[in-house]
Amino acid sequence: MVKMDLNSLNISRKKDPQGFYVAIIGREGAAVIIDAVEELGLDIERSGDIIVIRSKSWAKLTSLMLRAKTRGLRVIYG
């Protein structure tokens, strides 16, 4: 079982079966970057307190990581 910090942006370089890169964050952390997610045109899926952000573009997720860091969020990359 993998534990994630939902107050941080958790990103994996591996693609999911549909070919998307995936980032996971909690609802409270997502409130800090939701405008950047929408501006970058990333897909958002909500499931309870978990927000799943999906993108075909690694460059867009990299941009989101940088924006999250500048806003004080921790980014967990793996």
PDB file of N, CA and C in Angstrom:
ATOM      1  N   MET A   1       0.844  -1.177   0.000  1.00  0.00           N
ATOM      2  CA  MET A   1       0.000   0.000   0.000  1.00  0.00           C
ATOM      3  C   MET A   1       0.890   1.241   0.000  1.00  0.00           C
ATOM      4  N   VAL A   2       0.555   2.203  -0.841  1.00  0.00           N
ATOM      5  CA  VAL A   2       1.297   3.443  -0.946  1.00  0.00           C
ATOM      6  C   VAL A   2       0.542   4.521  -0.183  1.00  0.00           C
ATOM      7  N   LYS A   3       1.256   5.232   0.689  1.00  0.00           N
ATOM      8  CA  LYS A   3       0.639   6.338   1.411  1.00  0.00           C
ATOM      9  C   LYS A   3       0.991   7.638   0.709  1.00  0.00           C
ATOM     10  N   MET A   4       0.007   8.521   0.599  1.00  0.00           N
ATOM     11  CA  MET A   4       0.212   9.806  -0.031  1.00  0.00           C
ATOM     12  C   MET A   4      -0.118  10.899   0.965  1.00  0.00           C
ATOM     13  N   ASP A   5       0.532  12.019   0.798  1.00  0.00           N
ATOM     14  CA  ASP A   5       0.234  13.205   1.586  1.00  0.00           C
ATOM     15  C   ASP A   5      -0.763  14.032   0.783  1.00  0.00           C
ATOM     16  N   LEU A   6      -1.999  14.087   1.230  1.00  0.00           N
ATOM     17  CA  LEU A   6      -3.030  14.779   0.461  1.00  0.00           C
ATOM     18  C   LEU A   6      -2.933  16.295   0.557  1.00  0.00           C
ATOM     19  N   ASN A   7      -2.031  16.802   1.413  1.00  0.00           N
ATOM     20  CA  ASN A   7      -1.789  18.242   1.457  1.00  0.00           C
ATOM     21  C   ASN A   7      -0.714  18.642   0.458  1.00  0.00           C
ATOM     22  N   SER A   8      -0.148  17.661  -0.238  1.00  0.00           N
ATOM     23  CA  SER A   8       0.896  17.881  -1.235  1.00  0.00           C
ATOM     24  C   SER A   8       0.400  17.440  -2.605  1.00  0.00           C
ATOM     25  N   LEU A   9       1.092  17.911  -3.637  1.00  0.00           N
ATOM     26  CA  LEU A   9       0.797  17.483  -4.999  1.00  0.00           C
ATOM     27  C   LEU A   9       1.636  16.245  -5.282  1.00  0.00           C
ATOM     28  N   ASN A  10       0.992  15.097  -5.468  1.00  0.00           N
ATOM     29  CA  ASN A  10       1.651  13.818  -5.706  1.00  0.00           C
ATOM     30  C   ASN A  10       1.599  13.509  -7.197  1.00  0.00           C
ATOM     31  N   ILE A  11       2.773  13.415  -7.835  1.00  0.00           N
ATOM     32  CA  ILE A  11       2.830  13.223  -9.278  1.00  0.00           C
ATOM     33  C   ILE A  11       3.688  12.012  -9.613  1.00  0.00           C
ATOM     34  N   SER A  12       3.210  11.229 -10.571  1.00  0.00           N
ATOM     35  CA  SER A  12       3.972  10.087 -11.060  1.00  0.00           C
ATOM     36  C   SER A  12       4.340  10.321 -12.518  1.00  0.00           C
ATOM     37  N   ARG A  13       5.560   9.966 -12.879  1.00  0.00           N
ATOM     38  CA  ARG A  13       6.013  10.098 -14.269  1.00  0.00           C
ATOM     39  C   ARG A  13       5.443   8.972 -15.142  1.00  0.00           C
ATOM     40  N   LYS A  14       4.944   7.913 -14.517  1.00  0.00           N
ATOM     41  CA  LYS A  14       4.363   6.800 -15.278  1.00  0.00           C
ATOM     42  C   LYS A  14       2.961   7.173 -15.754  1.00  0.00           C
ATOM     43  N   LYS A  15       2.626   6.731 -16.953  1.00  0.00           N
ATOM     44  CA  LYS A  15       1.303   6.991 -17.503  1.00  0.00           C
ATOM     45  C   LYS A  15       0.308   5.936 -17.019  1.00  0.00           C
ATOM     46  N   ASP A  16      -0.963   6.335 -16.942  1.00  0.00           N
ATOM     47  CA  ASP A  16      -2.009   5.377 -16.617  1.00  0.00           C
ATOM     48  C   ASP A  16      -2.363   4.590 -17.881  1.00  0.00           C
ATOM     49  N   PRO A  17      -3.222   3.582 -17.801  1.00  0.00           N
ATOM     50  CA  PRO A  17      -3.547   2.765 -18.984  1.00  0.00           C
ATOM     51  C   PRO A  17      -4.133   3.545 -20.163  1.00  0.00           C
ATOM     52  N   GLN A  18      -4.735   4.708 -19.899  1.00  0.00           N
ATOM     53  CA  GLN A  18      -5.293   5.515 -20.986  1.00  0.00           C
ATOM     54  C   GLN A  18      -4.257   6.481 -21.582  1.00  0.00           C
ATOM     55  N   GLY A  19      -3.039   6.468 -21.066  1.00  0.00           N
ATOM     56  CA  GLY A  19      -1.975   7.303 -21.606  1.00  0.00           C
ATOM     57  C   GLY A  19      -1.864   8.678 -20.973  1.00  0.00           C
ATOM     58  N   PHE A  20      -2.459   8.877 -19.803  1.00  0.00           N
ATOM     59  CA  PHE A  20      -2.403  10.160 -19.110  1.00  0.00           C
ATOM     60  C   PHE A  20      -1.377  10.114 -17.984  1.00  0.00           C
ATOM     61  N   TYR A  21      -0.723  11.252 -17.747  1.00  0.00           N
ATOM     62  CA  TYR A  21       0.059  11.433 -16.530  1.00  0.00           C
ATOM     63  C   TYR A  21      -0.932  11.832 -15.447  1.00  0.00           C
ATOM     64  N   VAL A  22      -0.696  11.397 -14.207  1.00  0.00           N
ATOM     65  CA  VAL A  22      -1.666  11.606 -13.140  1.00  0.00           C
ATOM     66  C   VAL A  22      -1.025  12.307 -11.956  1.00  0.00           C
ATOM     67  N   ALA A  23      -1.750  13.280 -11.408  1.00  0.00           N
ATOM     68  CA  ALA A  23      -1.363  13.951 -10.173  1.00  0.00           C
ATOM     69  C   ALA A  23      -2.539  13.838  -9.207  1.00  0.00           C
ATOM     70  N   ILE A  24      -2.231  13.658  -7.929  1.00  0.00           N
ATOM     71  CA  ILE A  24      -3.273  13.512  -6.912  1.00  0.00           C
ATOM     72  C   ILE A  24      -3.004  14.509  -5.794  1.00  0.00           C
ATOM     73  N   ILE A  25      -4.068  15.149  -5.341  1.00  0.00           N
ATOM     74  CA  ILE A  25      -3.975  16.109  -4.255  1.00  0.00           C
ATOM     75  C   ILE A  25      -5.290  16.105  -3.484  1.00  0.00           C
ATOM     76  N   GLY A  26      -5.254  16.506  -2.237  1.00  0.00           N
ATOM     77  CA  GLY A  26      -6.465  16.623  -1.434  1.00  0.00           C
ATOM     78  C   GLY A  26      -7.246  17.873  -1.800  1.00  0.00           C
ATOM     79  N   ARG A  27      -8.484  17.928  -1.357  1.00  0.00           N
ATOM     80  CA  ARG A  27      -9.364  19.047  -1.692  1.00  0.00           C
ATOM     81  C   ARG A  27      -8.808  20.380  -1.190  1.00  0.00           C
ATOM     82  N   GLU A  28      -8.252  20.401   0.021  1.00  0.00           N
ATOM     83  CA  GLU A  28      -7.723  21.646   0.583  1.00  0.00           C
ATOM     84  C   GLU A  28      -6.514  22.142  -0.206  1.00  0.00           C
ATOM     85  N   GLY A  29      -5.627  21.248  -0.577  1.00  0.00           N
ATOM     86  CA  GLY A  29      -4.461  21.626  -1.380  1.00  0.00           C
ATOM     87  C   GLY A  29      -4.859  22.062  -2.776  1.00  0.00           C
ATOM     88  N   ALA A  30      -5.888  21.416  -3.316  1.00  0.00           N
ATOM     89  CA  ALA A  30      -6.338  21.750  -4.670  1.00  0.00           C
ATOM     90  C   ALA A  30      -6.889  23.168  -4.743  1.00  0.00           C
ATOM     91  N   ALA A  31      -7.446  23.661  -3.641  1.00  0.00           N
ATOM     92  CA  ALA A  31      -7.990  25.013  -3.634  1.00  0.00           C
ATOM     93  C   ALA A  31      -6.899  26.049  -3.922  1.00  0.00           C
ATOM     94  N   VAL A  32      -5.660  25.716  -3.577  1.00  0.00           N
ATOM     95  CA  VAL A  32      -4.536  26.632  -3.788  1.00  0.00           C
ATOM     96  C   VAL A  32      -4.156  26.720  -5.263  1.00  0.00           C
ATOM     97  N   ILE A  33      -4.331  25.619  -6.009  1.00  0.00           N
ATOM     98  CA  ILE A  33      -3.861  25.587  -7.402  1.00  0.00           C
ATOM     99  C   ILE A  33      -4.969  25.392  -8.433  1.00  0.00           C
ATOM    100  N   ILE A  34      -6.225  25.418  -8.016  1.00  0.00           N
ATOM    101  CA  ILE A  34      -7.316  25.098  -8.938  1.00  0.00           C
ATOM    102  C   ILE A  34      -7.355  26.068 -10.128  1.00  0.00           C
ATOM    103  N   ASP A  35      -7.022  27.338  -9.913  1.00  0.00           N
ATOM    104  CA  ASP A  35      -7.023  28.279 -11.026  1.00  0.00           C
ATOM    105  C   ASP A  35      -5.939  27.925 -12.047  1.00  0.00           C
ATOM    106  N   ALA A  36      -4.783  27.456 -11.584  1.00  0.00           N
ATOM    107  CA  ALA A  36      -3.707  27.043 -12.488  1.00  0.00           C
ATOM    108  C   ALA A  36      -4.108  25.790 -13.262  1.00  0.00           C
ATOM    109  N   VAL A  37      -4.796  24.873 -12.593  1.00  0.00           N
ATOM    110  CA  VAL A  37      -5.256  23.640 -13.251  1.00  0.00           C
ATOM    111  C   VAL A  37      -6.208  23.990 -14.390  1.00  0.00           C
ATOM    112  N   GLU A  38      -7.138  24.882 -14.109  1.00  0.00           N
ATOM    113  CA  GLU A  38      -8.105  25.284 -15.132  1.00  0.00           C
ATOM    114  C   GLU A  38      -7.435  26.075 -16.259  1.00  0.00           C
ATOM    115  N   GLU A  39      -6.494  26.949 -15.903  1.00  0.00           N
ATOM    116  CA  GLU A  39      -5.790  27.744 -16.904  1.00  0.00           C
ATOM    117  C   GLU A  39      -4.979  26.864 -17.858  1.00  0.00           C
ATOM    118  N   LEU A  40      -4.385  25.794 -17.323  1.00  0.00           N
ATOM    119  CA  LEU A  40      -3.594  24.881 -18.144  1.00  0.00           C
ATOM    120  C   LEU A  40      -4.461  23.899 -18.933  1.00  0.00           C
ATOM    121  N   GLY A  41      -5.756  23.852 -18.635  1.00  0.00           N
ATOM    122  CA  GLY A  41      -6.670  22.969 -19.358  1.00  0.00           C
ATOM    123  C   GLY A  41      -6.520  21.505 -18.983  1.00  0.00           C
ATOM    124  N   LEU A  42      -6.164  21.240 -17.736  1.00  0.00           N
ATOM    125  CA  LEU A  42      -5.986  19.859 -17.286  1.00  0.00           C
ATOM    126  C   LEU A  42      -7.324  19.254 -16.881  1.00  0.00           C
ATOM    127  N   ASP A  43      -7.451  17.941 -17.030  1.00  0.00           N
ATOM    128  CA  ASP A  43      -8.670  17.233 -16.633  1.00  0.00           C
ATOM    129  C   ASP A  43      -8.694  17.081 -15.117  1.00  0.00           C
ATOM    130  N   ILE A  44      -9.868  17.287 -14.523  1.00  0.00           N
ATOM    131  CA  ILE A  44     -10.031  17.165 -13.078  1.00  0.00           C
ATOM    132  C   ILE A  44     -11.127  16.143 -12.792  1.00  0.00           C
ATOM    133  N   GLU A  45     -10.827  15.225 -11.885  1.00  0.00           N
ATOM    134  CA  GLU A  45     -11.831  14.266 -11.416  1.00  0.00           C
ATOM    135  C   GLU A  45     -11.857  14.344  -9.900  1.00  0.00           C
ATOM    136  N   ARG A  46     -13.052  14.487  -9.340  1.00  0.00           N
ATOM    137  CA  ARG A  46     -13.198  14.566  -7.891  1.00  0.00           C
ATOM    138  C   ARG A  46     -13.773  13.261  -7.361  1.00  0.00           C
ATOM    139  N   SER A  47     -13.172  12.782  -6.279  1.00  0.00           N
ATOM    140  CA  SER A  47     -13.656  11.566  -5.631  1.00  0.00           C
ATOM    141  C   SER A  47     -13.525  11.757  -4.123  1.00  0.00           C
ATOM    142  N   GLY A  48     -14.586  12.250  -3.513  1.00  0.00           N
ATOM    143  CA  GLY A  48     -14.534  12.530  -2.081  1.00  0.00           C
ATOM    144  C   GLY A  48     -13.551  13.649  -1.800  1.00  0.00           C
ATOM    145  N   ASP A  49     -12.575  13.398  -0.920  1.00  0.00           N
ATOM    146  CA  ASP A  49     -11.572  14.404  -0.567  1.00  0.00           C
ATOM    147  C   ASP A  49     -10.361  14.365  -1.483  1.00  0.00           C
ATOM    148  N   ILE A  50     -10.386  13.512  -2.487  1.00  0.00           N
ATOM    149  CA  ILE A  50      -9.243  13.355  -3.385  1.00  0.00           C
ATOM    150  C   ILE A  50      -9.564  13.984  -4.741  1.00  0.00           C
ATOM    151  N   ILE A  51      -8.604  14.761  -5.242  1.00  0.00           N
ATOM    152  CA  ILE A  51      -8.722  15.364  -6.570  1.00  0.00           C
ATOM    153  C   ILE A  51      -7.664  14.709  -7.452  1.00  0.00           C
ATOM    154  N   VAL A  52      -8.088  14.170  -8.588  1.00  0.00           N
ATOM    155  CA  VAL A  52      -7.176  13.544  -9.549  1.00  0.00           C
ATOM    156  C   VAL A  52      -7.066  14.482 -10.746  1.00  0.00           C
ATOM    157  N   ILE A  53      -5.835  14.866 -11.062  1.00  0.00           N
ATOM    158  CA  ILE A  53      -5.563  15.753 -12.184  1.00  0.00           C
ATOM    159  C   ILE A  53      -4.859  14.925 -13.246  1.00  0.00           C
ATOM    160  N   ARG A  54      -5.370  14.954 -14.469  1.00  0.00           N
ATOM    161  CA  ARG A  54      -4.812  14.131 -15.544  1.00  0.00           C
ATOM    162  C   ARG A  54      -4.447  14.994 -16.743  1.00  0.00           C
ATOM    163  N   SER A  55      -3.350  14.613 -17.410  1.00  0.00           N
ATOM    164  CA  SER A  55      -2.907  15.347 -18.582  1.00  0.00           C
ATOM    165  C   SER A  55      -2.125  14.432 -19.509  1.00  0.00           C
ATOM    166  N   LYS A  56      -2.289  14.620 -20.794  1.00  0.00           N
ATOM    167  CA  LYS A  56      -1.471  13.901 -21.779  1.00  0.00           C
ATOM    168  C   LYS A  56      -0.105  14.565 -21.917  1.00  0.00           C
ATOM    169  N   SER A  57      -0.002  15.827 -21.483  1.00  0.00           N
ATOM    170  CA  SER A  57       1.217  16.611 -21.652  1.00  0.00           C
ATOM    171  C   SER A  57       2.036  16.657 -20.356  1.00  0.00           C
ATOM    172  N   TRP A  58       3.268  16.152 -20.417  1.00  0.00           N
ATOM    173  CA  TRP A  58       4.148  16.228 -19.258  1.00  0.00           C
ATOM    174  C   TRP A  58       4.552  17.688 -19.008  1.00  0.00           C
ATOM    175  N   ALA A  59       4.675  18.492 -20.049  1.00  0.00           N
ATOM    176  CA  ALA A  59       5.052  19.900 -19.905  1.00  0.00           C
ATOM    177  C   ALA A  59       4.014  20.671 -19.082  1.00  0.00           C
ATOM    178  N   LYS A  60       2.743  20.365 -19.290  1.00  0.00           N
ATOM    179  CA  LYS A  60       1.697  21.043 -18.512  1.00  0.00           C
ATOM    180  C   LYS A  60       1.756  20.648 -17.046  1.00  0.00           C
ATOM    181  N   LEU A  61       2.035  19.384 -16.757  1.00  0.00           N
ATOM    182  CA  LEU A  61       2.165  18.965 -15.358  1.00  0.00           C
ATOM    183  C   LEU A  61       3.405  19.575 -14.721  1.00  0.00           C
ATOM    184  N   THR A  62       4.468  19.726 -15.488  1.00  0.00           N
ATOM    185  CA  THR A  62       5.668  20.385 -14.981  1.00  0.00           C
ATOM    186  C   THR A  62       5.360  21.835 -14.626  1.00  0.00           C
ATOM    187  N   SER A  63       4.610  22.506 -15.465  1.00  0.00           N
ATOM    188  CA  SER A  63       4.195  23.874 -15.183  1.00  0.00           C
ATOM    189  C   SER A  63       3.346  23.931 -13.914  1.00  0.00           C
ATOM    190  N   LEU A  64       2.449  22.962 -13.738  1.00  0.00           N
ATOM    191  CA  LEU A  64       1.628  22.900 -12.534  1.00  0.00           C
ATOM    192  C   LEU A  64       2.497  22.678 -11.303  1.00  0.00           C
ATOM    193  N   MET A  65       3.514  21.818 -11.406  1.00  0.00           N
ATOM    194  CA  MET A  65       4.428  21.581 -10.279  1.00  0.00           C
ATOM    195  C   MET A  65       5.117  22.878  -9.866  1.00  0.00           C
ATOM    196  N   LEU A  66       5.611  23.631 -10.833  1.00  0.00           N
ATOM    197  CA  LEU A  66       6.296  24.887 -10.536  1.00  0.00           C
ATOM    198  C   LEU A  66       5.359  25.894  -9.873  1.00  0.00           C
ATOM    199  N   ARG A  67       4.147  25.974 -10.372  1.00  0.00           N
ATOM    200  CA  ARG A  67       3.162  26.889  -9.780  1.00  0.00           C
ATOM    201  C   ARG A  67       2.801  26.466  -8.363  1.00  0.00           C
ATOM    202  N   ALA A  68       2.678  25.158  -8.142  1.00  0.00           N
ATOM    203  CA  ALA A  68       2.368  24.659  -6.801  1.00  0.00           C
ATOM    204  C   ALA A  68       3.489  25.006  -5.827  1.00  0.00           C
ATOM    205  N   LYS A  69       4.735  24.834  -6.255  1.00  0.00           N
ATOM    206  CA  LYS A  69       5.876  25.151  -5.393  1.00  0.00           C
ATOM    207  C   LYS A  69       5.921  26.634  -5.044  1.00  0.00           C
ATOM    208  N   THR A  70       5.653  27.495  -6.023  1.00  0.00           N
ATOM    209  CA  THR A  70       5.691  28.935  -5.751  1.00  0.00           C
ATOM    210  C   THR A  70       4.562  29.373  -4.827  1.00  0.00           C
ATOM    211  N   ARG A  71       3.501  28.575  -4.736  1.00  0.00           N
ATOM    212  CA  ARG A  71       2.387  28.891  -3.844  1.00  0.00           C
ATOM    213  C   ARG A  71       2.512  28.190  -2.491  1.00  0.00           C
ATOM    214  N   GLY A  72       3.652  27.565  -2.262  1.00  0.00           N
ATOM    215  CA  GLY A  72       3.920  26.979  -0.947  1.00  0.00           C
ATOM    216  C   GLY A  72       3.504  25.528  -0.768  1.00  0.00           C
ATOM    217  N   LEU A  73       3.069  24.867  -1.823  1.00  0.00           N
ATOM    218  CA  LEU A  73       2.704  23.452  -1.712  1.00  0.00           C
ATOM    219  C   LEU A  73       3.940  22.580  -1.891  1.00  0.00           C
ATOM    220  N   ARG A  74       3.968  21.482  -1.192  1.00  0.00           N
ATOM    221  CA  ARG A  74       5.046  20.508  -1.387  1.00  0.00           C
ATOM    222  C   ARG A  74       4.665  19.629  -2.565  1.00  0.00           C
ATOM    223  N   VAL A  75       5.645  19.311  -3.388  1.00  0.00           N
ATOM    224  CA  VAL A  75       5.427  18.453  -4.552  1.00  0.00           C
ATOM    225  C   VAL A  75       6.189  17.155  -4.311  1.00  0.00           C
ATOM    226  N   ILE A  76       5.471  16.043  -4.385  1.00  0.00           N
ATOM    227  CA  ILE A  76       6.073  14.719  -4.231  1.00  0.00           C
ATOM    228  C   ILE A  76       6.084  14.085  -5.612  1.00  0.00           C
ATOM    229  N   TYR A  77       7.280  13.854  -6.105  1.00  0.00           N
ATOM    230  CA  TYR A  77       7.459  13.336  -7.458  1.00  0.00           C
ATOM    231  C   TYR A  77       8.045  11.938  -7.381  1.00  0.00           C
ATOM    232  N   GLY A  78       7.413  11.016  -8.085  1.00  0.00           N
ATOM    233  CA  GLY A  78       7.924   9.657  -8.031  1.00  0.00           C
ATOM    234  C   GLY A  78       7.492   8.814  -9.172  1.00  0.00           C
TER     235      GLY A  78
END
